[in-house]
Amino acid sequence: IGQVYDIAGMPVGEQIRHDTAIYSAAFSPDGKKIAIGGTANDTEIQYVARYSIKTGEESGLRYQTGSQRPIQTLAWQGDHIAAEVAGNLYVWDTKTDQAKFAPKQLSGQFAAMEF
């Protein structure tokens, strides 16, 4: 369970019902949703889930990475969510819920990402 807070420290919307560890998060461009990098309890496979900040409910499909390594960085720009996992870049289209391309091997791991 997580909570989004405003700059004054006041809770915004309902608690997010995410039941595993959160390693990374990114806000949608309109500020109404948040993407969270987490782990599936049964398989330990990493995924990206999207939640409504207002209701705290999950929205849309979960994007699976196929990796058991944590999603350390996330970025959300327009209709795309990008994640870096163990030196691989994943990008999904939030309108079609499809991967934009096969994971790309990067030259290293990232501590932060923006596009």
PDB file of N, CA and C in Angstrom:
ATOM      1  N   ILE A   1       0.860  -1.179   0.000  1.00  0.00           N
ATOM      2  CA  ILE A   1       0.000   0.000   0.000  1.00  0.00           C
ATOM      3  C   ILE A   1       0.897   1.229   0.000  1.00  0.00           C
ATOM      4  N   GLY A   2       0.573   2.186  -0.840  1.00  0.00           N
ATOM      5  CA  GLY A   2       1.348   3.410  -0.927  1.00  0.00           C
ATOM      6  C   GLY A   2       0.433   4.618  -0.923  1.00  0.00           C
ATOM      7  N   GLN A   3       1.008   5.774  -0.751  1.00  0.00           N
ATOM      8  CA  GLN A   3       0.240   7.017  -0.725  1.00  0.00           C
ATOM      9  C   GLN A   3       1.028   8.093  -1.450  1.00  0.00           C
ATOM     10  N   VAL A   4       0.342   8.892  -2.257  1.00  0.00           N
ATOM     11  CA  VAL A   4       0.949  10.043  -2.918  1.00  0.00           C
ATOM     12  C   VAL A   4       0.676  11.264  -2.045  1.00  0.00           C
ATOM     13  N   TYR A   5       1.702  12.101  -1.870  1.00  0.00           N
ATOM     14  CA  TYR A   5       1.574  13.319  -1.063  1.00  0.00           C
ATOM     15  C   TYR A   5       1.910  14.537  -1.905  1.00  0.00           C
ATOM     16  N   ASP A   6       1.278  15.677  -1.570  1.00  0.00           N
ATOM     17  CA  ASP A   6       1.630  16.919  -2.251  1.00  0.00           C
ATOM     18  C   ASP A   6       2.856  17.535  -1.587  1.00  0.00           C
ATOM     19  N   ILE A   7       3.302  18.647  -2.098  1.00  0.00           N
ATOM     20  CA  ILE A   7       4.531  19.270  -1.609  1.00  0.00           C
ATOM     21  C   ILE A   7       4.418  19.740  -0.152  1.00  0.00           C
ATOM     22  N   ALA A   8       3.193  19.957   0.321  1.00  0.00           N
ATOM     23  CA  ALA A   8       2.976  20.365   1.711  1.00  0.00           C
ATOM     24  C   ALA A   8       2.874  19.169   2.658  1.00  0.00           C
ATOM     25  N   GLY A   9       2.998  17.941   2.104  1.00  0.00           N
ATOM     26  CA  GLY A   9       2.929  16.750   2.935  1.00  0.00           C
ATOM     27  C   GLY A   9       1.524  16.232   3.175  1.00  0.00           C
ATOM     28  N   MET A  10       0.553  16.753   2.411  1.00  0.00           N
ATOM     29  CA  MET A  10      -0.834  16.317   2.557  1.00  0.00           C
ATOM     30  C   MET A  10      -1.118  15.176   1.571  1.00  0.00           C
ATOM     31  N   PRO A  11      -1.864  14.132   2.010  1.00  0.00           N
ATOM     32  CA  PRO A  11      -2.180  13.035   1.110  1.00  0.00           C
ATOM     33  C   PRO A  11      -3.029  13.513  -0.068  1.00  0.00           C
ATOM     34  N   VAL A  12      -2.741  12.943  -1.241  1.00  0.00           N
ATOM     35  CA  VAL A  12      -3.501  13.240  -2.459  1.00  0.00           C
ATOM     36  C   VAL A  12      -4.200  11.958  -2.880  1.00  0.00           C
ATOM     37  N   GLY A  13      -5.507  11.993  -2.991  1.00  0.00           N
ATOM     38  CA  GLY A  13      -6.263  10.819  -3.418  1.00  0.00           C
ATOM     39  C   GLY A  13      -6.243   9.707  -2.389  1.00  0.00           C
ATOM     40  N   GLU A  14      -6.615   8.525  -2.860  1.00  0.00           N
ATOM     41  CA  GLU A  14      -6.697   7.341  -1.995  1.00  0.00           C
ATOM     42  C   GLU A  14      -5.373   6.582  -1.977  1.00  0.00           C
ATOM     43  N   GLN A  15      -5.209   5.725  -0.983  1.00  0.00           N
ATOM     44  CA  GLN A  15      -4.015   4.894  -0.933  1.00  0.00           C
ATOM     45  C   GLN A  15      -3.976   3.965  -2.141  1.00  0.00           C
ATOM     46  N   ILE A  16      -2.781   3.741  -2.657  1.00  0.00           N
ATOM     47  CA  ILE A  16      -2.582   2.864  -3.798  1.00  0.00           C
ATOM     48  C   ILE A  16      -2.435   1.443  -3.279  1.00  0.00           C
ATOM     49  N   ARG A  17      -3.221   0.539  -3.813  1.00  0.00           N
ATOM     50  CA  ARG A  17      -3.262  -0.854  -3.350  1.00  0.00           C
ATOM     51  C   ARG A  17      -2.224  -1.699  -4.081  1.00  0.00           C
ATOM     52  N   HIS A  18      -0.975  -1.391  -3.841  1.00  0.00           N
ATOM     53  CA  HIS A  18       0.130  -2.147  -4.440  1.00  0.00           C
ATOM     54  C   HIS A  18       0.721  -2.999  -3.332  1.00  0.00           C
ATOM     55  N   ASP A  19       0.706  -4.331  -3.499  1.00  0.00           N
ATOM     56  CA  ASP A  19       1.025  -5.214  -2.377  1.00  0.00           C
ATOM     57  C   ASP A  19       2.442  -5.770  -2.360  1.00  0.00           C
ATOM     58  N   THR A  20       3.333  -5.273  -3.201  1.00  0.00           N
ATOM     59  CA  THR A  20       4.727  -5.732  -3.173  1.00  0.00           C
ATOM     60  C   THR A  20       5.650  -4.513  -3.073  1.00  0.00           C
ATOM     61  N   ALA A  21       6.939  -4.768  -2.980  1.00  0.00           N
ATOM     62  CA  ALA A  21       7.918  -3.678  -2.867  1.00  0.00           C
ATOM     63  C   ALA A  21       7.840  -2.749  -4.075  1.00  0.00           C
ATOM     64  N   ILE A  22       8.024  -1.453  -3.821  1.00  0.00           N
ATOM     65  CA  ILE A  22       8.053  -0.446  -4.881  1.00  0.00           C
ATOM     66  C   ILE A  22       9.492   0.023  -5.021  1.00  0.00           C
ATOM     67  N   TYR A  23      10.071  -0.192  -6.194  1.00  0.00           N
ATOM     68  CA  TYR A  23      11.456   0.205  -6.448  1.00  0.00           C
ATOM     69  C   TYR A  23      11.547   1.513  -7.225  1.00  0.00           C
ATOM     70  N   SER A  24      10.500   1.854  -7.964  1.00  0.00           N
ATOM     71  CA  SER A  24      10.527   3.068  -8.777  1.00  0.00           C
ATOM     72  C   SER A  24       9.101   3.505  -9.086  1.00  0.00           C
ATOM     73  N   ALA A  25       8.954   4.784  -9.414  1.00  0.00           N
ATOM     74  CA  ALA A  25       7.640   5.324  -9.752  1.00  0.00           C
ATOM     75  C   ALA A  25       7.808   6.502 -10.703  1.00  0.00           C
ATOM     76  N   ALA A  26       6.774   6.753 -11.521  1.00  0.00           N
ATOM     77  CA  ALA A  26       6.767   7.889 -12.440  1.00  0.00           C
ATOM     78  C   ALA A  26       5.333   8.368 -12.593  1.00  0.00           C
ATOM     79  N   PHE A  27       5.140   9.679 -12.604  1.00  0.00           N
ATOM     80  CA  PHE A  27       3.814  10.259 -12.792  1.00  0.00           C
ATOM     81  C   PHE A  27       3.487  10.390 -14.268  1.00  0.00           C
ATOM     82  N   SER A  28       2.202  10.230 -14.603  1.00  0.00           N
ATOM     83  CA  SER A  28       1.753  10.482 -15.968  1.00  0.00           C
ATOM     84  C   SER A  28       1.887  11.970 -16.256  1.00  0.00           C
ATOM     85  N   PRO A  29       1.990  12.355 -17.524  1.00  0.00           N
ATOM     86  CA  PRO A  29       2.145  13.775 -17.858  1.00  0.00           C
ATOM     87  C   PRO A  29       1.024  14.660 -17.309  1.00  0.00           C
ATOM     88  N   ASP A  30      -0.214  14.128 -17.195  1.00  0.00           N
ATOM     89  CA  ASP A  30      -1.324  14.940 -16.675  1.00  0.00           C
ATOM     90  C   ASP A  30      -1.417  14.892 -15.150  1.00  0.00           C
ATOM     91  N   GLY A  31      -0.559  14.090 -14.497  1.00  0.00           N
ATOM     92  CA  GLY A  31      -0.542  14.014 -13.040  1.00  0.00           C
ATOM     93  C   GLY A  31      -1.674  13.216 -12.426  1.00  0.00           C
ATOM     94  N   LYS A  32      -2.461  12.504 -13.244  1.00  0.00           N
ATOM     95  CA  LYS A  32      -3.609  11.762 -12.728  1.00  0.00           C
ATOM     96  C   LYS A  32      -3.305  10.302 -12.406  1.00  0.00           C
ATOM     97  N   LYS A  33      -2.197   9.788 -12.936  1.00  0.00           N
ATOM     98  CA  LYS A  33      -1.837   8.393 -12.706  1.00  0.00           C
ATOM     99  C   LYS A  33      -0.377   8.305 -12.285  1.00  0.00           C
ATOM    100  N   ILE A  34      -0.046   7.160 -11.713  1.00  0.00           N
ATOM    101  CA  ILE A  34       1.334   6.884 -11.342  1.00  0.00           C
ATOM    102  C   ILE A  34       1.668   5.467 -11.811  1.00  0.00           C
ATOM    103  N   ALA A  35       2.844   5.310 -12.381  1.00  0.00           N
ATOM    104  CA  ALA A  35       3.353   3.991 -12.766  1.00  0.00           C
ATOM    105  C   ALA A  35       4.322   3.549 -11.675  1.00  0.00           C
ATOM    106  N   ILE A  36       4.222   2.287 -11.284  1.00  0.00           N
ATOM    107  CA  ILE A  36       5.049   1.756 -10.214  1.00  0.00           C
ATOM    108  C   ILE A  36       5.728   0.481 -10.703  1.00  0.00           C
ATOM    109  N   GLY A  37       7.034   0.381 -10.441  1.00  0.00           N
ATOM    110  CA  GLY A  37       7.778  -0.840 -10.750  1.00  0.00           C
ATOM    111  C   GLY A  37       7.710  -1.768  -9.560  1.00  0.00           C
ATOM    112  N   GLY A  38       7.208  -2.983  -9.774  1.00  0.00           N
ATOM    113  CA  GLY A  38       7.053  -3.919  -8.663  1.00  0.00           C
ATOM    114  C   GLY A  38       7.346  -5.348  -9.075  1.00  0.00           C
ATOM    115  N   THR A  39       7.063  -6.267  -8.172  1.00  0.00           N
ATOM    116  CA  THR A  39       7.351  -7.684  -8.363  1.00  0.00           C
ATOM    117  C   THR A  39       6.078  -8.490  -8.192  1.00  0.00           C
ATOM    118  N   ALA A  40       5.846  -9.437  -9.098  1.00  0.00           N
ATOM    119  CA  ALA A  40       4.716 -10.353  -8.949  1.00  0.00           C
ATOM    120  C   ALA A  40       5.037 -11.334  -7.823  1.00  0.00           C
ATOM    121  N   ASN A  41       4.132 -11.483  -6.873  1.00  0.00           N
ATOM    122  CA  ASN A  41       4.376 -12.342  -5.712  1.00  0.00           C
ATOM    123  C   ASN A  41       4.642 -13.793  -6.077  1.00  0.00           C
ATOM    124  N   ASP A  42       3.919 -14.322  -7.052  1.00  0.00           N
ATOM    125  CA  ASP A  42       4.020 -15.747  -7.345  1.00  0.00           C
ATOM    126  C   ASP A  42       5.239 -16.107  -8.192  1.00  0.00           C
ATOM    127  N   THR A  43       5.722 -15.193  -9.041  1.00  0.00           N
ATOM    128  CA  THR A  43       6.817 -15.532  -9.954  1.00  0.00           C
ATOM    129  C   THR A  43       8.081 -14.714  -9.735  1.00  0.00           C
ATOM    130  N   GLU A  44       7.990 -13.640  -8.958  1.00  0.00           N
ATOM    131  CA  GLU A  44       9.106 -12.710  -8.748  1.00  0.00           C
ATOM    132  C   GLU A  44       9.500 -11.977 -10.030  1.00  0.00           C
ATOM    133  N   ILE A  45       8.669 -12.075 -11.074  1.00  0.00           N
ATOM    134  CA  ILE A  45       8.931 -11.353 -12.319  1.00  0.00           C
ATOM    135  C   ILE A  45       8.553  -9.883 -12.127  1.00  0.00           C
ATOM    136  N   GLN A  46       9.417  -8.993 -12.606  1.00  0.00           N
ATOM    137  CA  GLN A  46       9.186  -7.554 -12.471  1.00  0.00           C
ATOM    138  C   GLN A  46       8.141  -7.064 -13.477  1.00  0.00           C
ATOM    139  N   TYR A  47       7.342  -6.098 -13.063  1.00  0.00           N
ATOM    140  CA  TYR A  47       6.330  -5.521 -13.945  1.00  0.00           C
ATOM    141  C   TYR A  47       6.134  -4.046 -13.608  1.00  0.00           C
ATOM    142  N   VAL A  48       5.472  -3.344 -14.516  1.00  0.00           N
ATOM    143  CA  VAL A  48       5.069  -1.962 -14.295  1.00  0.00           C
ATOM    144  C   VAL A  48       3.549  -1.950 -14.230  1.00  0.00           C
ATOM    145  N   ALA A  49       3.005  -1.385 -13.162  1.00  0.00           N
ATOM    146  CA  ALA A  49       1.558  -1.259 -13.005  1.00  0.00           C
ATOM    147  C   ALA A  49       1.206   0.227 -12.964  1.00  0.00           C
ATOM    148  N   ARG A  50       0.027   0.571 -13.483  1.00  0.00           N
ATOM    149  CA  ARG A  50      -0.449   1.956 -13.452  1.00  0.00           C
ATOM    150  C   ARG A  50      -1.640   2.068 -12.506  1.00  0.00           C
ATOM    151  N   TYR A  51      -1.666   3.165 -11.749  1.00  0.00           N
ATOM    152  CA  TYR A  51      -2.733   3.395 -10.775  1.00  0.00           C
ATOM    153  C   TYR A  51      -3.303   4.796 -10.928  1.00  0.00           C
ATOM    154  N   SER A  52      -4.599   4.917 -10.638  1.00  0.00           N
ATOM    155  CA  SER A  52      -5.234   6.222 -10.538  1.00  0.00           C
ATOM    156  C   SER A  52      -4.839   6.836  -9.202  1.00  0.00           C
ATOM    157  N   ILE A  53      -4.337   8.054  -9.220  1.00  0.00           N
ATOM    158  CA  ILE A  53      -3.989   8.716  -7.955  1.00  0.00           C
ATOM    159  C   ILE A  53      -5.250   9.055  -7.177  1.00  0.00           C
ATOM    160  N   LYS A  54      -6.323   9.412  -7.866  1.00  0.00           N
ATOM    161  CA  LYS A  54      -7.570   9.796  -7.200  1.00  0.00           C
ATOM    162  C   LYS A  54      -8.203   8.624  -6.453  1.00  0.00           C
ATOM    163  N   THR A  55      -8.309   7.452  -7.125  1.00  0.00           N
ATOM    164  CA  THR A  55      -9.010   6.317  -6.517  1.00  0.00           C
ATOM    165  C   THR A  55      -8.073   5.295  -5.877  1.00  0.00           C
ATOM    166  N   GLY A  56      -6.793   5.275  -6.275  1.00  0.00           N
ATOM    167  CA  GLY A  56      -5.854   4.286  -5.782  1.00  0.00           C
ATOM    168  C   GLY A  56      -5.964   2.941  -6.477  1.00  0.00           C
ATOM    169  N   GLU A  57      -6.871   2.832  -7.447  1.00  0.00           N
ATOM    170  CA  GLU A  57      -7.105   1.567  -8.141  1.00  0.00           C
ATOM    171  C   GLU A  57      -6.159   1.398  -9.330  1.00  0.00           C
ATOM    172  N   GLU A  58      -5.795   0.137  -9.586  1.00  0.00           N
ATOM    173  CA  GLU A  58      -4.947  -0.171 -10.736  1.00  0.00           C
ATOM    174  C   GLU A  58      -5.747   0.058 -12.018  1.00  0.00           C
ATOM    175  N   SER A  59      -5.082   0.595 -13.033  1.00  0.00           N
ATOM    176  CA  SER A  59      -5.750   0.853 -14.306  1.00  0.00           C
ATOM    177  C   SER A  59      -4.881   0.348 -15.450  1.00  0.00           C
ATOM    178  N   GLY A  60      -5.478  -0.341 -16.379  1.00  0.00           N
ATOM    179  CA  GLY A  60      -4.739  -0.848 -17.536  1.00  0.00           C
ATOM    180  C   GLY A  60      -4.015  -2.141 -17.231  1.00  0.00           C
ATOM    181  N   LEU A  61      -3.349  -2.655 -18.243  1.00  0.00           N
ATOM    182  CA  LEU A  61      -2.596  -3.896 -18.113  1.00  0.00           C
ATOM    183  C   LEU A  61      -1.284  -3.668 -17.391  1.00  0.00           C
ATOM    184  N   ARG A  62      -0.775  -4.717 -16.786  1.00  0.00           N
ATOM    185  CA  ARG A  62       0.578  -4.673 -16.215  1.00  0.00           C
ATOM    186  C   ARG A  62       1.553  -4.999 -17.338  1.00  0.00           C
ATOM    187  N   TYR A  63       2.671  -4.297 -17.365  1.00  0.00           N
ATOM    188  CA  TYR A  63       3.705  -4.535 -18.360  1.00  0.00           C
ATOM    189  C   TYR A  63       4.785  -5.404 -17.736  1.00  0.00           C
ATOM    190  N   GLN A  64       4.965  -6.615 -18.232  1.00  0.00           N
ATOM    191  CA  GLN A  64       5.942  -7.557 -17.698  1.00  0.00           C
ATOM    192  C   GLN A  64       7.306  -7.342 -18.347  1.00  0.00           C
ATOM    193  N   THR A  65       8.364  -7.455 -17.564  1.00  0.00           N
ATOM    194  CA  THR A  65       9.712  -7.344 -18.116  1.00  0.00           C
ATOM    195  C   THR A  65      10.332  -8.711 -18.376  1.00  0.00           C
ATOM    196  N   GLY A  66       9.853  -9.747 -17.711  1.00  0.00           N
ATOM    197  CA  GLY A  66      10.442 -11.064 -17.851  1.00  0.00           C
ATOM    198  C   GLY A  66      11.694 -11.240 -17.001  1.00  0.00           C
ATOM    199  N   SER A  67      12.060 -10.228 -16.253  1.00  0.00           N
ATOM    200  CA  SER A  67      13.269 -10.261 -15.433  1.00  0.00           C
ATOM    201  C   SER A  67      12.905 -10.346 -13.955  1.00  0.00           C
ATOM    202  N   GLN A  68      13.797 -10.953 -13.175  1.00  0.00           N
ATOM    203  CA  GLN A  68      13.617 -10.963 -11.732  1.00  0.00           C
ATOM    204  C   GLN A  68      14.415  -9.848 -11.059  1.00  0.00           C
ATOM    205  N   ARG A  69      15.133  -9.058 -11.826  1.00  0.00           N
ATOM    206  CA  ARG A  69      15.881  -7.918 -11.299  1.00  0.00           C
ATOM    207  C   ARG A  69      14.932  -6.733 -11.121  1.00  0.00           C
ATOM    208  N   PRO A  70      15.106  -5.911 -10.094  1.00  0.00           N
ATOM    209  CA  PRO A  70      14.202  -4.783  -9.832  1.00  0.00           C
ATOM    210  C   PRO A  70      14.220  -3.733 -10.944  1.00  0.00           C
ATOM    211  N   ILE A  71      13.067  -3.113 -11.143  1.00  0.00           N
ATOM    212  CA  ILE A  71      12.954  -1.979 -12.053  1.00  0.00           C
ATOM    213  C   ILE A  71      13.452  -0.767 -11.276  1.00  0.00           C
ATOM    214  N   GLN A  72      14.656  -0.323 -11.567  1.00  0.00           N
ATOM    215  CA  GLN A  72      15.273   0.769 -10.812  1.00  0.00           C
ATOM    216  C   GLN A  72      14.844   2.149 -11.300  1.00  0.00           C
ATOM    217  N   THR A  73      14.501   2.273 -12.573  1.00  0.00           N
ATOM    218  CA  THR A  73      14.134   3.585 -13.099  1.00  0.00           C
ATOM    219  C   THR A  73      12.922   3.472 -14.010  1.00  0.00           C
ATOM    220  N   LEU A  74      12.060   4.477 -13.921  1.00  0.00           N
ATOM    221  CA  LEU A  74      10.874   4.588 -14.767  1.00  0.00           C
ATOM    222  C   LEU A  74      10.752   6.020 -15.260  1.00  0.00           C
ATOM    223  N   ALA A  75      10.207   6.177 -16.451  1.00  0.00           N
ATOM    224  CA  ALA A  75       9.885   7.508 -16.972  1.00  0.00           C
ATOM    225  C   ALA A  75       8.582   7.389 -17.755  1.00  0.00           C
ATOM    226  N   TRP A  76       7.757   8.442 -17.695  1.00  0.00           N
ATOM    227  CA  TRP A  76       6.481   8.457 -18.416  1.00  0.00           C
ATOM    228  C   TRP A  76       6.436   9.750 -19.204  1.00  0.00           C
ATOM    229  N   GLN A  77       6.377   9.618 -20.531  1.00  0.00           N
ATOM    230  CA  GLN A  77       6.316  10.782 -21.420  1.00  0.00           C
ATOM    231  C   GLN A  77       5.222  10.534 -22.447  1.00  0.00           C
ATOM    232  N   GLY A  78       4.260  11.421 -22.508  1.00  0.00           N
ATOM    233  CA  GLY A  78       3.162  11.258 -23.469  1.00  0.00           C
ATOM    234  C   GLY A  78       2.470   9.921 -23.265  1.00  0.00           C
ATOM    235  N   ASP A  79       2.412   9.125 -24.325  1.00  0.00           N
ATOM    236  CA  ASP A  79       1.750   7.829 -24.287  1.00  0.00           C
ATOM    237  C   ASP A  79       2.726   6.673 -24.084  1.00  0.00           C
ATOM    238  N   HIS A  80       3.911   6.954 -23.544  1.00  0.00           N
ATOM    239  CA  HIS A  80       4.922   5.910 -23.408  1.00  0.00           C
ATOM    240  C   HIS A  80       5.499   5.863 -21.994  1.00  0.00           C
ATOM    241  N   ILE A  81       5.711   4.634 -21.533  1.00  0.00           N
ATOM    242  CA  ILE A  81       6.395   4.387 -20.267  1.00  0.00           C
ATOM    243  C   ILE A  81       7.676   3.635 -20.592  1.00  0.00           C
ATOM    244  N   ALA A  82       8.783   4.105 -20.050  1.00  0.00           N
ATOM    245  CA  ALA A  82      10.076   3.446 -20.240  1.00  0.00           C
ATOM    246  C   ALA A  82      10.577   2.947 -18.890  1.00  0.00           C
ATOM    247  N   ALA A  83      11.217   1.789 -18.914  1.00  0.00           N
ATOM    248  CA  ALA A  83      11.803   1.203 -17.713  1.00  0.00           C
ATOM    249  C   ALA A  83      13.172   0.645 -18.048  1.00  0.00           C
ATOM    250  N   GLU A  84      14.088   0.762 -17.079  1.00  0.00           N
ATOM    251  CA  GLU A  84      15.408   0.158 -17.219  1.00  0.00           C
ATOM    252  C   GLU A  84      15.507  -0.947 -16.184  1.00  0.00           C
ATOM    253  N   VAL A  85      15.875  -2.142 -16.654  1.00  0.00           N
ATOM    254  CA  VAL A  85      16.026  -3.302 -15.781  1.00  0.00           C
ATOM    255  C   VAL A  85      17.324  -4.012 -16.151  1.00  0.00           C
ATOM    256  N   ALA A  86      18.258  -4.032 -15.237  1.00  0.00           N
ATOM    257  CA  ALA A  86      19.518  -4.764 -15.427  1.00  0.00           C
ATOM    258  C   ALA A  86      20.190  -4.418 -16.748  1.00  0.00           C
ATOM    259  N   GLY A  87      20.185  -3.144 -17.106  1.00  0.00           N
ATOM    260  CA  GLY A  87      20.852  -2.703 -18.325  1.00  0.00           C
ATOM    261  C   GLY A  87      20.051  -2.884 -19.597  1.00  0.00           C
ATOM    262  N   ASN A  88      18.770  -3.217 -19.481  1.00  0.00           N
ATOM    263  CA  ASN A  88      17.890  -3.349 -20.642  1.00  0.00           C
ATOM    264  C   ASN A  88      16.818  -2.280 -20.601  1.00  0.00           C
ATOM    265  N   LEU A  89      16.526  -1.679 -21.753  1.00  0.00           N
ATOM    266  CA  LEU A  89      15.496  -0.649 -21.865  1.00  0.00           C
ATOM    267  C   LEU A  89      14.222  -1.263 -22.418  1.00  0.00           C
ATOM    268  N   TYR A  90      13.117  -1.023 -21.725  1.00  0.00           N
ATOM    269  CA  TYR A  90      11.787  -1.454 -22.149  1.00  0.00           C
ATOM    270  C   TYR A  90      10.950  -0.204 -22.361  1.00  0.00           C
ATOM    271  N   VAL A  91      10.149  -0.165 -23.426  1.00  0.00           N
ATOM    272  CA  VAL A  91       9.240   0.957 -23.677  1.00  0.00           C
ATOM    273  C   VAL A  91       7.892   0.384 -24.096  1.00  0.00           C
ATOM    274  N   TRP A  92       6.808   0.844 -23.431  1.00  0.00           N
ATOM    275  CA  TRP A  92       5.455   0.409 -23.740  1.00  0.00           C
ATOM    276  C   TRP A  92       4.607   1.606 -24.148  1.00  0.00           C
ATOM    277  N   ASP A  93       3.656   1.365 -25.040  1.00  0.00           N
ATOM    278  CA  ASP A  93       2.681   2.359 -25.474  1.00  0.00           C
ATOM    279  C   ASP A  93       1.465   2.219 -24.567  1.00  0.00           C
ATOM    280  N   THR A  94       1.105   3.267 -23.832  1.00  0.00           N
ATOM    281  CA  THR A  94       0.006   3.172 -22.872  1.00  0.00           C
ATOM    282  C   THR A  94      -1.368   3.167 -23.538  1.00  0.00           C
ATOM    283  N   LYS A  95      -1.452   3.562 -24.800  1.00  0.00           N
ATOM    284  CA  LYS A  95      -2.749   3.517 -25.495  1.00  0.00           C
ATOM    285  C   LYS A  95      -3.046   2.118 -26.020  1.00  0.00           C
ATOM    286  N   THR A  96      -2.028   1.424 -26.514  1.00  0.00           N
ATOM    287  CA  THR A  96      -2.235   0.089 -27.081  1.00  0.00           C
ATOM    288  C   THR A  96      -1.849  -1.018 -26.101  1.00  0.00           C
ATOM    289  N   ASP A  97      -1.167  -0.674 -25.002  1.00  0.00           N
ATOM    290  CA  ASP A  97      -0.654  -1.636 -24.031  1.00  0.00           C
ATOM    291  C   ASP A  97       0.309  -2.638 -24.670  1.00  0.00           C
ATOM    292  N   GLN A  98       1.018  -2.211 -25.694  1.00  0.00           N
ATOM    293  CA  GLN A  98       1.986  -3.049 -26.395  1.00  0.00           C
ATOM    294  C   GLN A  98       3.394  -2.493 -26.232  1.00  0.00           C
ATOM    295  N   ALA A  99       4.367  -3.392 -26.273  1.00  0.00           N
ATOM    296  CA  ALA A  99       5.764  -2.961 -26.267  1.00  0.00           C
ATOM    297  C   ALA A  99       6.046  -2.244 -27.586  1.00  0.00           C
ATOM    298  N   LYS A 100       6.827  -1.169 -27.516  1.00  0.00           N
ATOM    299  CA  LYS A 100       7.189  -0.433 -28.731  1.00  0.00           C
ATOM    300  C   LYS A 100       8.241  -1.190 -29.526  1.00  0.00           C
ATOM    301  N   PHE A 101       9.095  -1.949 -28.864  1.00  0.00           N
ATOM    302  CA  PHE A 101      10.133  -2.746 -29.510  1.00  0.00           C
ATOM    303  C   PHE A 101      10.644  -3.768 -28.500  1.00  0.00           C
ATOM    304  N   ALA A 102      11.405  -4.720 -28.978  1.00  0.00           N
ATOM    305  CA  ALA A 102      12.016  -5.704 -28.078  1.00  0.00           C
ATOM    306  C   ALA A 102      12.975  -4.982 -27.141  1.00  0.00           C
ATOM    307  N   PRO A 103      13.193  -5.495 -25.932  1.00  0.00           N
ATOM    308  CA  PRO A 103      14.120  -4.829 -25.005  1.00  0.00           C
ATOM    309  C   PRO A 103      15.477  -4.568 -25.664  1.00  0.00           C
ATOM    310  N   LYS A 104      16.017  -3.387 -25.399  1.00  0.00           N
ATOM    311  CA  LYS A 104      17.307  -2.986 -25.952  1.00  0.00           C
ATOM    312  C   LYS A 104      18.378  -3.062 -24.871  1.00  0.00           C
ATOM    313  N   GLN A 105      19.489  -3.705 -25.180  1.00  0.00           N
ATOM    314  CA  GLN A 105      20.614  -3.771 -24.256  1.00  0.00           C
ATOM    315  C   GLN A 105      21.310  -2.413 -24.234  1.00  0.00           C
ATOM    316  N   LEU A 106      21.505  -1.862 -23.045  1.00  0.00           N
ATOM    317  CA  LEU A 106      22.170  -0.577 -22.880  1.00  0.00           C
ATOM    318  C   LEU A 106      23.616  -0.801 -22.457  1.00  0.00           C
ATOM    319  N   SER A 107      24.392   0.245 -22.442  1.00  0.00           N
ATOM    320  CA  SER A 107      25.801   0.113 -22.080  1.00  0.00           C
ATOM    321  C   SER A 107      26.027   0.070 -20.573  1.00  0.00           C
ATOM    322  N   GLY A 108      24.987   0.193 -19.781  1.00  0.00           N
ATOM    323  CA  GLY A 108      25.110   0.150 -18.330  1.00  0.00           C
ATOM    324  C   GLY A 108      23.753   0.358 -17.687  1.00  0.00           C
ATOM    325  N   GLN A 109      23.723   0.378 -16.357  1.00  0.00           N
ATOM    326  CA  GLN A 109      22.486   0.618 -15.633  1.00  0.00           C
ATOM    327  C   GLN A 109      22.367   2.109 -15.317  1.00  0.00           C
ATOM    328  N   PHE A 110      21.137   2.566 -15.090  1.00  0.00           N
ATOM    329  CA  PHE A 110      20.859   3.974 -14.852  1.00  0.00           C
ATOM    330  C   PHE A 110      20.323   4.180 -13.449  1.00  0.00           C
ATOM    331  N   ALA A 111      20.637   5.330 -12.862  1.00  0.00           N
ATOM    332  CA  ALA A 111      20.075   5.718 -11.563  1.00  0.00           C
ATOM    333  C   ALA A 111      18.843   6.580 -11.753  1.00  0.00           C
ATOM    334  N   ALA A 112      18.721   7.212 -12.920  1.00  0.00           N
ATOM    335  CA  ALA A 112      17.564   8.054 -13.228  1.00  0.00           C
ATOM    336  C   ALA A 112      17.386   8.099 -14.737  1.00  0.00           C
ATOM    337  N   MET A 113      16.159   8.407 -15.181  1.00  0.00           N
ATOM    338  CA  MET A 113      15.861   8.450 -16.598  1.00  0.00           C
ATOM    339  C   MET A 113      14.750   9.460 -16.845  1.00  0.00           C
ATOM    340  N   GLU A 114      14.839  10.189 -17.944  1.00  0.00           N
ATOM    341  CA  GLU A 114      13.788  11.107 -18.369  1.00  0.00           C
ATOM    342  C   GLU A 114      13.848  11.187 -19.865  1.00  0.00           C
ATOM    343  N   PHE A 115      12.682  11.281 -20.503  1.00  0.00           N
ATOM    344  CA  PHE A 115      12.682  11.456 -21.962  1.00  0.00           C
ATOM    345  C   PHE A 115      11.543  12.336 -22.383  1.00  0.00           C
TER     346      PHE A 115
END
